[in-house]
Amino acid sequence: MPGLLTIPREIRDEIYGFIVPQDLASSKSRELQKERKRITYDPEDADTYFGEEAVRYPVHTSLPPTFSLLQTSRQIRAEIMDNLKRLGTIKYKVNLTDCKDTGVISLTWISVPCFKDKIGVLEAHWRIKTRKTSSVFSFDGENDPESSVYGFSTCLALAQRFVERGVYLLSKKKRNKMHIGLLAMHLDFDPDIDPEAVDEFMGHCCQFLDEWMLGDTWGGYDINAKEREEAQFRLLSGKIDRLQMFSNGVFKKEWVVADVVAKRDLNQQEQGRVAAERAASVARTVQLHQGLNERLGIAGTENSGATM
């Protein structure tokens, strides 16, 4: 009786395409992923990132994937994994959970179909909760870095660690070829939160991202923060093609990163031109004052001589 391995490979690939689910779950159980590690940021250590003190990384790397057909034979497993790499979109899915609403984020891989440098979609779900305040996004102890988080810097740290290491988040070895077609960021709010408050919060988020991508959010930051964020933006913009924002599953906005980079470059050129004009204006003003002071000094000397 003919079996699966006796039919042509092309037909087997067609079969795999019908029976393999789109999202293959990670083969590391939730229990194994409970073991966590904290990383402390050190400006002198290039393997740490500003803001990631708020993240608890899983010690055990998620292995791809759990699916019964993958356990039948080595050949079938190899063919399915090859099929996944060649056909369709490779989609990773990760959950970001705020532990007990303290602002400390636990990262858990939900779907890792196969280890690959080019990922079609990275879908990140971040659950947003409230406490007893009316704020949509609140934390205990605003002065405590454990609970107040570094906010947006934490998101940047997570993104940078992934594009440099893939699912091997704690690895010292960097994967230079890592690339993401779409980073889909889902903010999942508790159902008891006022929808108008959610919409307002999402509006602020999208506006902030618009400004950050154009380099307009540094304000009172020190020069080190400005240089750090510029380096992070350039790294991420070279690794991610598109970014989308969702609120409770509803699409809100999309950014095409190449277009954003072009606008940012123009914006920085304009900022440089304005800064140069201001510097030139200040220099002219200083020269005028110096010339005026010199003339007043000469006139003062002449008046003193005439008086004598």
C-alpha atoms as a PDB file:
ATOM      1  CA  MET A   1       0.000   0.000   0.000  1.00  0.00           C
ATOM      2  CA  PRO A   2       1.507   3.363  -0.969  1.00  0.00           C
ATOM      3  CA  GLY A   3       2.385   5.686   1.921  1.00  0.00           C
ATOM      4  CA  LEU A   4       3.126   9.358   2.261  1.00  0.00           C
ATOM      5  CA  LEU A   5       6.818   8.892   1.497  1.00  0.00           C
ATOM      6  CA  THR A   6       6.156   6.856  -1.654  1.00  0.00           C
ATOM      7  CA  ILE A   7       4.392   9.654  -3.523  1.00  0.00           C
ATOM      8  CA  PRO A   8       6.347  12.424  -5.300  1.00  0.00           C
ATOM      9  CA  ARG A   9       7.802  15.216  -3.160  1.00  0.00           C
ATOM     10  CA  GLU A  10       5.847  17.861  -5.081  1.00  0.00           C
ATOM     11  CA  ILE A  11       2.572  16.213  -4.078  1.00  0.00           C
ATOM     12  CA  ARG A  12       3.730  15.864  -0.481  1.00  0.00           C
ATOM     13  CA  ASP A  13       4.461  19.600  -0.436  1.00  0.00           C
ATOM     14  CA  GLU A  14       0.905  20.270  -1.593  1.00  0.00           C
ATOM     15  CA  ILE A  15      -0.389  18.058   1.218  1.00  0.00           C
ATOM     16  CA  TYR A  16       1.764  19.845   3.784  1.00  0.00           C
ATOM     17  CA  GLY A  17       0.358  23.170   2.610  1.00  0.00           C
ATOM     18  CA  PHE A  18      -3.197  21.995   3.361  1.00  0.00           C
ATOM     19  CA  ILE A  19      -2.627  20.351   6.735  1.00  0.00           C
ATOM     20  CA  VAL A  20      -0.017  22.516   8.444  1.00  0.00           C
ATOM     21  CA  PRO A  21      -1.679  25.350  10.405  1.00  0.00           C
ATOM     22  CA  GLN A  22      -0.599  28.913   9.730  1.00  0.00           C
ATOM     23  CA  ASP A  23       0.532  29.524  13.316  1.00  0.00           C
ATOM     24  CA  LEU A  24       2.652  26.659  14.607  1.00  0.00           C
ATOM     25  CA  ALA A  25       2.904  26.893  18.364  1.00  0.00           C
ATOM     26  CA  SER A  26       6.237  27.048  20.110  1.00  0.00           C
ATOM     27  CA  SER A  27       7.360  23.652  21.384  1.00  0.00           C
ATOM     28  CA  LYS A  28       8.579  25.049  24.685  1.00  0.00           C
ATOM     29  CA  SER A  29       5.771  24.850  27.222  1.00  0.00           C
ATOM     30  CA  ARG A  30       4.596  27.819  29.246  1.00  0.00           C
ATOM     31  CA  GLU A  31       6.041  26.106  32.331  1.00  0.00           C
ATOM     32  CA  LEU A  32       9.545  26.089  30.860  1.00  0.00           C
ATOM     33  CA  GLN A  33       9.206  29.699  29.784  1.00  0.00           C
ATOM     34  CA  LYS A  34       8.443  30.761  33.356  1.00  0.00           C
ATOM     35  CA  GLU A  35      12.140  30.722  34.214  1.00  0.00           C
ATOM     36  CA  ARG A  36      13.180  34.318  33.635  1.00  0.00           C
ATOM     37  CA  LYS A  37      16.300  36.438  33.553  1.00  0.00           C
ATOM     38  CA  ARG A  38      16.723  40.155  34.142  1.00  0.00           C
ATOM     39  CA  ILE A  39      19.364  42.193  32.310  1.00  0.00           C
ATOM     40  CA  THR A  40      20.749  45.410  33.786  1.00  0.00           C
ATOM     41  CA  TYR A  41      21.660  48.155  31.350  1.00  0.00           C
ATOM     42  CA  ASP A  42      25.315  49.167  31.288  1.00  0.00           C
ATOM     43  CA  PRO A  43      26.290  52.053  28.966  1.00  0.00           C
ATOM     44  CA  GLU A  44      29.722  50.458  28.582  1.00  0.00           C
ATOM     45  CA  ASP A  45      28.266  47.081  27.533  1.00  0.00           C
ATOM     46  CA  ALA A  46      27.064  46.927  23.900  1.00  0.00           C
ATOM     47  CA  ASP A  47      25.081  43.759  24.702  1.00  0.00           C
ATOM     48  CA  THR A  48      22.681  45.613  27.013  1.00  0.00           C
ATOM     49  CA  TYR A  49      20.041  48.168  26.032  1.00  0.00           C
ATOM     50  CA  PHE A  50      18.604  51.183  27.804  1.00  0.00           C
ATOM     51  CA  GLY A  51      15.183  50.396  29.311  1.00  0.00           C
ATOM     52  CA  GLU A  52      15.359  46.602  29.341  1.00  0.00           C
ATOM     53  CA  GLU A  53      15.592  46.365  33.149  1.00  0.00           C
ATOM     54  CA  ALA A  54      11.792  46.178  32.984  1.00  0.00           C
ATOM     55  CA  VAL A  55      11.866  42.997  30.860  1.00  0.00           C
ATOM     56  CA  ARG A  56      12.016  39.425  32.122  1.00  0.00           C
ATOM     57  CA  TYR A  57      13.419  37.291  29.307  1.00  0.00           C
ATOM     58  CA  PRO A  58      12.700  33.540  29.124  1.00  0.00           C
ATOM     59  CA  VAL A  59      15.859  31.572  29.930  1.00  0.00           C
ATOM     60  CA  HIS A  60      14.842  28.689  27.644  1.00  0.00           C
ATOM     61  CA  THR A  61      14.689  29.429  23.919  1.00  0.00           C
ATOM     62  CA  SER A  62      11.445  28.440  22.199  1.00  0.00           C
ATOM     63  CA  LEU A  63      11.996  25.653  19.716  1.00  0.00           C
ATOM     64  CA  PRO A  64       9.882  25.271  16.547  1.00  0.00           C
ATOM     65  CA  PRO A  65       7.229  23.892  16.599  1.00  0.00           C
ATOM     66  CA  THR A  66       4.678  21.496  18.143  1.00  0.00           C
ATOM     67  CA  PHE A  67       2.732  19.639  15.463  1.00  0.00           C
ATOM     68  CA  SER A  68       2.024  15.913  15.472  1.00  0.00           C
ATOM     69  CA  LEU A  69       3.151  15.240  11.884  1.00  0.00           C
ATOM     70  CA  LEU A  70       6.590  16.606  12.753  1.00  0.00           C
ATOM     71  CA  GLN A  71       7.065  13.723  15.165  1.00  0.00           C
ATOM     72  CA  THR A  72       6.534  10.922  12.627  1.00  0.00           C
ATOM     73  CA  SER A  73       9.962  10.779  10.962  1.00  0.00           C
ATOM     74  CA  ARG A  74      13.057  12.879  10.425  1.00  0.00           C
ATOM     75  CA  GLN A  75      12.437  13.067   6.672  1.00  0.00           C
ATOM     76  CA  ILE A  76       8.876  14.335   7.029  1.00  0.00           C
ATOM     77  CA  ARG A  77       9.959  16.834   9.667  1.00  0.00           C
ATOM     78  CA  ALA A  78      12.750  18.133   7.425  1.00  0.00           C
ATOM     79  CA  GLU A  79      10.382  18.431   4.441  1.00  0.00           C
ATOM     80  CA  ILE A  80       7.726  20.305   6.437  1.00  0.00           C
ATOM     81  CA  MET A  81      10.271  22.711   7.878  1.00  0.00           C
ATOM     82  CA  ASP A  82      11.701  23.285   4.401  1.00  0.00           C
ATOM     83  CA  ASN A  83       8.182  23.807   3.115  1.00  0.00           C
ATOM     84  CA  LEU A  84       7.557  26.431   5.772  1.00  0.00           C
ATOM     85  CA  LYS A  85      10.720  28.293   4.833  1.00  0.00           C
ATOM     86  CA  ARG A  86       9.964  28.302   1.103  1.00  0.00           C
ATOM     87  CA  LEU A  87       6.199  28.780   0.997  1.00  0.00           C
ATOM     88  CA  GLY A  88       4.000  31.451   2.480  1.00  0.00           C
ATOM     89  CA  THR A  89       4.711  33.981   5.198  1.00  0.00           C
ATOM     90  CA  ILE A  90       6.771  33.057   8.232  1.00  0.00           C
ATOM     91  CA  LYS A  91       4.877  34.446  11.203  1.00  0.00           C
ATOM     92  CA  TYR A  92       6.225  34.726  14.744  1.00  0.00           C
ATOM     93  CA  LYS A  93       3.928  35.617  17.617  1.00  0.00           C
ATOM     94  CA  VAL A  94       4.922  36.848  21.072  1.00  0.00           C
ATOM     95  CA  ASN A  95       2.980  37.931  24.145  1.00  0.00           C
ATOM     96  CA  LEU A  96       4.165  40.766  26.386  1.00  0.00           C
ATOM     97  CA  THR A  97       2.504  40.503  29.778  1.00  0.00           C
ATOM     98  CA  ASP A  98       2.599  43.154  32.476  1.00  0.00           C
ATOM     99  CA  CYS A  99       3.296  41.096  35.616  1.00  0.00           C
ATOM    100  CA  LYS A 100       0.667  41.989  38.234  1.00  0.00           C
ATOM    101  CA  ASP A 101       0.349  45.456  36.696  1.00  0.00           C
ATOM    102  CA  THR A 102       3.748  46.561  38.018  1.00  0.00           C
ATOM    103  CA  GLY A 103       5.196  47.578  34.656  1.00  0.00           C
ATOM    104  CA  VAL A 104       7.577  44.587  34.636  1.00  0.00           C
ATOM    105  CA  ILE A 105       7.156  42.835  31.286  1.00  0.00           C
ATOM    106  CA  SER A 106       7.363  39.060  30.796  1.00  0.00           C
ATOM    107  CA  LEU A 107       7.966  37.944  27.223  1.00  0.00           C
ATOM    108  CA  THR A 108       6.537  34.588  26.083  1.00  0.00           C
ATOM    109  CA  TRP A 109       6.868  33.099  22.597  1.00  0.00           C
ATOM    110  CA  ILE A 110       3.552  31.734  21.321  1.00  0.00           C
ATOM    111  CA  SER A 111       4.395  30.813  17.722  1.00  0.00           C
ATOM    112  CA  VAL A 112       7.838  30.128  16.250  1.00  0.00           C
ATOM    113  CA  PRO A 113       7.304  28.098  13.043  1.00  0.00           C
ATOM    114  CA  CYS A 114      11.021  27.792  12.227  1.00  0.00           C
ATOM    115  CA  PHE A 115      14.288  29.578  12.827  1.00  0.00           C
ATOM    116  CA  LYS A 116      14.824  31.908   9.908  1.00  0.00           C
ATOM    117  CA  ASP A 117      16.588  35.186   9.261  1.00  0.00           C
ATOM    118  CA  LYS A 118      13.780  36.600   7.109  1.00  0.00           C
ATOM    119  CA  ILE A 119      10.477  36.776   8.986  1.00  0.00           C
ATOM    120  CA  GLY A 120       7.305  37.795   7.218  1.00  0.00           C
ATOM    121  CA  VAL A 121       5.378  38.952  10.296  1.00  0.00           C
ATOM    122  CA  LEU A 122       6.361  39.506  13.910  1.00  0.00           C
ATOM    123  CA  GLU A 123       3.088  39.869  15.816  1.00  0.00           C
ATOM    124  CA  ALA A 124       3.522  41.283  19.326  1.00  0.00           C
ATOM    125  CA  HIS A 125       0.586  41.436  21.747  1.00  0.00           C
ATOM    126  CA  TRP A 126       0.916  43.769  24.713  1.00  0.00           C
ATOM    127  CA  ARG A 127      -1.887  43.690  27.264  1.00  0.00           C
ATOM    128  CA  ILE A 128      -2.649  47.125  28.705  1.00  0.00           C
ATOM    129  CA  LYS A 129      -4.337  47.206  32.116  1.00  0.00           C
ATOM    130  CA  THR A 130      -5.450  49.864  34.568  1.00  0.00           C
ATOM    131  CA  ARG A 131      -5.262  50.062  38.316  1.00  0.00           C
ATOM    132  CA  LYS A 132      -7.458  52.119  40.603  1.00  0.00           C
ATOM    133  CA  THR A 133      -6.687  55.343  38.780  1.00  0.00           C
ATOM    134  CA  SER A 134      -8.525  56.649  35.738  1.00  0.00           C
ATOM    135  CA  SER A 135      -5.363  56.395  33.651  1.00  0.00           C
ATOM    136  CA  VAL A 136      -5.327  53.920  30.786  1.00  0.00           C
ATOM    137  CA  PHE A 137      -1.684  53.061  31.404  1.00  0.00           C
ATOM    138  CA  SER A 138      -0.511  53.321  35.021  1.00  0.00           C
ATOM    139  CA  PHE A 139       2.187  51.803  37.214  1.00  0.00           C
ATOM    140  CA  ASP A 140       2.973  51.450  40.908  1.00  0.00           C
ATOM    141  CA  GLY A 141       5.739  53.713  42.236  1.00  0.00           C
ATOM    142  CA  GLU A 142       6.580  56.240  39.527  1.00  0.00           C
ATOM    143  CA  ASN A 143      10.140  56.696  40.825  1.00  0.00           C
ATOM    144  CA  ASP A 144      10.881  52.982  40.888  1.00  0.00           C
ATOM    145  CA  PRO A 145      12.477  51.738  37.624  1.00  0.00           C
ATOM    146  CA  GLU A 146      11.128  48.272  38.400  1.00  0.00           C
ATOM    147  CA  SER A 147       7.546  49.456  38.186  1.00  0.00           C
ATOM    148  CA  SER A 148       7.536  52.750  36.324  1.00  0.00           C
ATOM    149  CA  VAL A 149       9.327  51.222  33.318  1.00  0.00           C
ATOM    150  CA  TYR A 150      11.231  53.171  30.737  1.00  0.00           C
ATOM    151  CA  GLY A 151       8.132  53.050  28.560  1.00  0.00           C
ATOM    152  CA  PHE A 152       9.007  53.537  24.948  1.00  0.00           C
ATOM    153  CA  SER A 153      12.685  52.783  25.605  1.00  0.00           C
ATOM    154  CA  THR A 154      11.646  49.312  26.759  1.00  0.00           C
ATOM    155  CA  CYS A 155       9.890  48.739  23.429  1.00  0.00           C
ATOM    156  CA  LEU A 156      13.012  49.850  21.569  1.00  0.00           C
ATOM    157  CA  ALA A 157      15.192  47.546  23.683  1.00  0.00           C
ATOM    158  CA  LEU A 158      12.944  44.560  22.914  1.00  0.00           C
ATOM    159  CA  ALA A 159      12.913  45.334  19.198  1.00  0.00           C
ATOM    160  CA  GLN A 160      16.668  45.831  19.054  1.00  0.00           C
ATOM    161  CA  ARG A 161      17.418  42.614  20.942  1.00  0.00           C
ATOM    162  CA  PHE A 162      15.161  40.653  18.573  1.00  0.00           C
ATOM    163  CA  VAL A 163      16.528  42.070  15.307  1.00  0.00           C
ATOM    164  CA  GLU A 164      20.053  41.385  16.532  1.00  0.00           C
ATOM    165  CA  ARG A 165      19.458  37.893  17.949  1.00  0.00           C
ATOM    166  CA  GLY A 166      16.097  36.550  16.790  1.00  0.00           C
ATOM    167  CA  VAL A 167      14.380  34.261  19.308  1.00  0.00           C
ATOM    168  CA  TYR A 168      17.764  33.637  20.941  1.00  0.00           C
ATOM    169  CA  LEU A 169      17.240  36.819  22.935  1.00  0.00           C
ATOM    170  CA  LEU A 170      19.962  36.088  25.470  1.00  0.00           C
ATOM    171  CA  SER A 171      22.560  34.949  22.956  1.00  0.00           C
ATOM    172  CA  LYS A 172      25.875  36.765  22.704  1.00  0.00           C
ATOM    173  CA  LYS A 173      26.026  35.945  18.988  1.00  0.00           C
ATOM    174  CA  LYS A 174      24.308  38.429  16.692  1.00  0.00           C
ATOM    175  CA  ARG A 175      22.413  37.490  13.527  1.00  0.00           C
ATOM    176  CA  ASN A 176      23.370  40.150  10.988  1.00  0.00           C
ATOM    177  CA  LYS A 177      20.899  38.935   8.332  1.00  0.00           C
ATOM    178  CA  MET A 178      17.779  39.194  10.500  1.00  0.00           C
ATOM    179  CA  HIS A 179      14.946  41.051   8.719  1.00  0.00           C
ATOM    180  CA  ILE A 180      11.244  41.595   9.473  1.00  0.00           C
ATOM    181  CA  GLY A 181       8.703  42.312   6.761  1.00  0.00           C
ATOM    182  CA  LEU A 182       5.992  43.536   9.145  1.00  0.00           C
ATOM    183  CA  LEU A 183       6.074  44.336  12.857  1.00  0.00           C
ATOM    184  CA  ALA A 184       2.432  44.192  13.936  1.00  0.00           C
ATOM    185  CA  MET A 185       2.024  45.743  17.384  1.00  0.00           C
ATOM    186  CA  HIS A 186      -1.241  44.857  19.104  1.00  0.00           C
ATOM    187  CA  LEU A 187      -2.240  46.789  22.223  1.00  0.00           C
ATOM    188  CA  ASP A 188      -4.890  44.673  23.939  1.00  0.00           C
ATOM    189  CA  PHE A 189      -6.896  46.647  26.493  1.00  0.00           C
ATOM    190  CA  ASP A 190      -9.095  45.235  29.239  1.00  0.00           C
ATOM    191  CA  PRO A 191     -12.770  45.287  28.185  1.00  0.00           C
ATOM    192  CA  ASP A 192     -13.754  47.422  31.196  1.00  0.00           C
ATOM    193  CA  ILE A 193     -11.638  50.357  29.986  1.00  0.00           C
ATOM    194  CA  ASP A 194     -13.638  53.231  28.497  1.00  0.00           C
ATOM    195  CA  PRO A 195     -13.422  52.993  24.668  1.00  0.00           C
ATOM    196  CA  GLU A 196     -13.030  56.777  24.410  1.00  0.00           C
ATOM    197  CA  ALA A 197     -10.033  56.618  26.753  1.00  0.00           C
ATOM    198  CA  VAL A 198      -8.561  53.826  24.616  1.00  0.00           C
ATOM    199  CA  ASP A 199      -9.013  55.875  21.429  1.00  0.00           C
ATOM    200  CA  GLU A 200      -7.403  58.910  23.075  1.00  0.00           C
ATOM    201  CA  PHE A 201      -4.474  56.822  24.282  1.00  0.00           C
ATOM    202  CA  MET A 202      -3.970  55.271  20.847  1.00  0.00           C
ATOM    203  CA  GLY A 203      -4.063  58.716  19.282  1.00  0.00           C
ATOM    204  CA  HIS A 204      -1.255  59.841  21.589  1.00  0.00           C
ATOM    205  CA  CYS A 205       0.715  56.659  20.812  1.00  0.00           C
ATOM    206  CA  CYS A 206       0.477  57.141  17.049  1.00  0.00           C
ATOM    207  CA  GLN A 207       1.315  60.852  17.317  1.00  0.00           C
ATOM    208  CA  PHE A 208       4.347  60.067  19.465  1.00  0.00           C
ATOM    209  CA  LEU A 209       5.541  57.448  16.964  1.00  0.00           C
ATOM    210  CA  ASP A 210       5.118  59.951  14.132  1.00  0.00           C
ATOM    211  CA  GLU A 211       7.268  62.462  15.985  1.00  0.00           C
ATOM    212  CA  TRP A 212       9.865  59.925  17.105  1.00  0.00           C
ATOM    213  CA  MET A 213      10.320  58.543  13.623  1.00  0.00           C
ATOM    214  CA  LEU A 214      10.968  62.073  12.345  1.00  0.00           C
ATOM    215  CA  GLY A 215      13.432  62.738  15.164  1.00  0.00           C
ATOM    216  CA  ASP A 216      11.254  65.371  16.848  1.00  0.00           C
ATOM    217  CA  THR A 217      10.875  63.881  20.342  1.00  0.00           C
ATOM    218  CA  TRP A 218      14.214  64.537  21.991  1.00  0.00           C
ATOM    219  CA  GLY A 219      13.253  67.887  23.484  1.00  0.00           C
ATOM    220  CA  GLY A 220      15.095  68.119  26.784  1.00  0.00           C
ATOM    221  CA  TYR A 221      16.965  64.848  26.389  1.00  0.00           C
ATOM    222  CA  ASP A 222      20.705  64.943  26.888  1.00  0.00           C
ATOM    223  CA  ILE A 223      23.034  64.436  23.932  1.00  0.00           C
ATOM    224  CA  ASN A 224      23.677  60.804  24.891  1.00  0.00           C
ATOM    225  CA  ALA A 225      19.963  59.996  24.682  1.00  0.00           C
ATOM    226  CA  LYS A 226      19.751  61.688  21.300  1.00  0.00           C
ATOM    227  CA  GLU A 227      22.691  59.736  19.926  1.00  0.00           C
ATOM    228  CA  ARG A 228      21.371  56.472  21.376  1.00  0.00           C
ATOM    229  CA  GLU A 229      17.908  56.861  19.857  1.00  0.00           C
ATOM    230  CA  GLU A 230      19.361  57.905  16.510  1.00  0.00           C
ATOM    231  CA  ALA A 231      21.488  54.734  16.459  1.00  0.00           C
ATOM    232  CA  GLN A 232      18.479  52.592  17.436  1.00  0.00           C
ATOM    233  CA  PHE A 233      16.311  54.142  14.754  1.00  0.00           C
ATOM    234  CA  ARG A 234      18.906  53.568  12.038  1.00  0.00           C
ATOM    235  CA  LEU A 235      19.383  49.956  13.131  1.00  0.00           C
ATOM    236  CA  LEU A 236      15.666  49.149  13.304  1.00  0.00           C
ATOM    237  CA  SER A 237      14.831  51.005  10.072  1.00  0.00           C
ATOM    238  CA  GLY A 238      17.330  48.790   8.270  1.00  0.00           C
ATOM    239  CA  LYS A 239      15.739  45.632   9.680  1.00  0.00           C
ATOM    240  CA  ILE A 240      11.976  46.340   9.508  1.00  0.00           C
ATOM    241  CA  ASP A 241       9.973  47.147   6.367  1.00  0.00           C
ATOM    242  CA  ARG A 242       6.611  48.121   7.863  1.00  0.00           C
ATOM    243  CA  LEU A 243       5.065  48.844  11.264  1.00  0.00           C
ATOM    244  CA  GLN A 244       1.374  48.526  12.068  1.00  0.00           C
ATOM    245  CA  MET A 245      -0.542  49.468  15.224  1.00  0.00           C
ATOM    246  CA  PHE A 246      -3.716  47.725  16.403  1.00  0.00           C
ATOM    247  CA  SER A 247      -6.060  48.387  19.306  1.00  0.00           C
ATOM    248  CA  ASN A 248      -8.045  45.360  20.498  1.00  0.00           C
ATOM    249  CA  GLY A 249      -7.622  43.829  17.060  1.00  0.00           C
ATOM    250  CA  VAL A 250      -8.709  46.971  15.180  1.00  0.00           C
ATOM    251  CA  PHE A 251      -6.167  48.399  12.723  1.00  0.00           C
ATOM    252  CA  LYS A 252      -5.121  51.961  13.577  1.00  0.00           C
ATOM    253  CA  LYS A 253      -2.149  53.012  11.486  1.00  0.00           C
ATOM    254  CA  GLU A 254       0.708  51.793   9.282  1.00  0.00           C
ATOM    255  CA  TRP A 255       4.153  53.219   8.635  1.00  0.00           C
ATOM    256  CA  VAL A 256       6.262  52.240   5.627  1.00  0.00           C
ATOM    257  CA  VAL A 257       9.718  52.505   7.115  1.00  0.00           C
ATOM    258  CA  ALA A 258      11.536  53.468   3.898  1.00  0.00           C
ATOM    259  CA  ASP A 259       9.174  56.449   3.485  1.00  0.00           C
ATOM    260  CA  VAL A 260       9.694  57.437   7.106  1.00  0.00           C
ATOM    261  CA  VAL A 261      13.488  57.324   6.717  1.00  0.00           C
ATOM    262  CA  ALA A 262      13.285  59.637   3.688  1.00  0.00           C
ATOM    263  CA  LYS A 263      11.128  62.127   5.626  1.00  0.00           C
ATOM    264  CA  ARG A 264      13.418  61.913   8.650  1.00  0.00           C
ATOM    265  CA  ASP A 265      16.472  62.652   6.503  1.00  0.00           C
ATOM    266  CA  LEU A 266      14.743  65.702   4.996  1.00  0.00           C
ATOM    267  CA  ASN A 267      13.646  66.808   8.458  1.00  0.00           C
ATOM    268  CA  GLN A 268      17.184  66.525   9.800  1.00  0.00           C
ATOM    269  CA  GLN A 269      18.526  68.445   6.819  1.00  0.00           C
ATOM    270  CA  GLU A 270      16.013  71.209   7.502  1.00  0.00           C
ATOM    271  CA  GLN A 271      16.896  71.198  11.206  1.00  0.00           C
ATOM    272  CA  GLY A 272      20.576  71.432  10.272  1.00  0.00           C
ATOM    273  CA  ARG A 273      19.878  74.363   7.942  1.00  0.00           C
ATOM    274  CA  VAL A 274      17.879  76.211  10.621  1.00  0.00           C
ATOM    275  CA  ALA A 275      20.582  75.539  13.212  1.00  0.00           C
ATOM    276  CA  ALA A 276      23.258  76.855  10.837  1.00  0.00           C
ATOM    277  CA  GLU A 277      21.219  80.014  10.169  1.00  0.00           C
ATOM    278  CA  ARG A 278      20.758  80.552  13.903  1.00  0.00           C
ATOM    279  CA  ALA A 279      24.473  80.084  14.521  1.00  0.00           C
ATOM    280  CA  ALA A 280      25.298  82.555  11.740  1.00  0.00           C
ATOM    281  CA  SER A 281      22.803  85.046  13.154  1.00  0.00           C
ATOM    282  CA  VAL A 282      24.304  84.723  16.628  1.00  0.00           C
ATOM    283  CA  ALA A 283      27.804  85.187  15.190  1.00  0.00           C
ATOM    284  CA  ARG A 284      26.702  88.356  13.357  1.00  0.00           C
ATOM    285  CA  THR A 285      25.083  89.698  16.515  1.00  0.00           C
ATOM    286  CA  VAL A 286      28.239  89.041  18.527  1.00  0.00           C
ATOM    287  CA  GLN A 287      30.350  90.810  15.889  1.00  0.00           C
ATOM    288  CA  LEU A 288      28.008  93.810  15.914  1.00  0.00           C
ATOM    289  CA  HIS A 289      28.198  94.026  19.685  1.00  0.00           C
ATOM    290  CA  GLN A 290      31.974  93.726  19.630  1.00  0.00           C
ATOM    291  CA  GLY A 291      32.221  96.462  16.975  1.00  0.00           C
ATOM    292  CA  LEU A 292      29.858  98.694  18.934  1.00  0.00           C
ATOM    293  CA  ASN A 293      31.779  98.153  22.146  1.00  0.00           C
ATOM    294  CA  GLU A 294      35.044  98.949  20.396  1.00  0.00           C
ATOM    295  CA  ARG A 295      33.621 102.195  18.964  1.00  0.00           C
ATOM    296  CA  LEU A 296      32.149 103.156  22.317  1.00  0.00           C
ATOM    297  CA  GLY A 297      35.514 102.445  23.923  1.00  0.00           C
ATOM    298  CA  ILE A 298      37.335 104.685  21.450  1.00  0.00           C
ATOM    299  CA  ALA A 299      34.778 107.448  21.851  1.00  0.00           C
ATOM    300  CA  GLY A 300      35.060 107.178  25.609  1.00  0.00           C
ATOM    301  CA  THR A 301      38.844 107.552  25.417  1.00  0.00           C
ATOM    302  CA  GLU A 302      38.601 110.640  23.164  1.00  0.00           C
ATOM    303  CA  ASN A 303      36.054 112.272  25.449  1.00  0.00           C
ATOM    304  CA  SER A 304      38.297 111.654  28.437  1.00  0.00           C
ATOM    305  CA  GLY A 305      41.271 113.320  26.639  1.00  0.00           C
ATOM    306  CA  ALA A 306      39.208 116.359  25.690  1.00  0.00           C
ATOM    307  CA  THR A 307      38.060 116.779  29.271  1.00  0.00           C
ATOM    308  CA  MET A 308      41.630 116.711  30.535  1.00  0.00           C
END
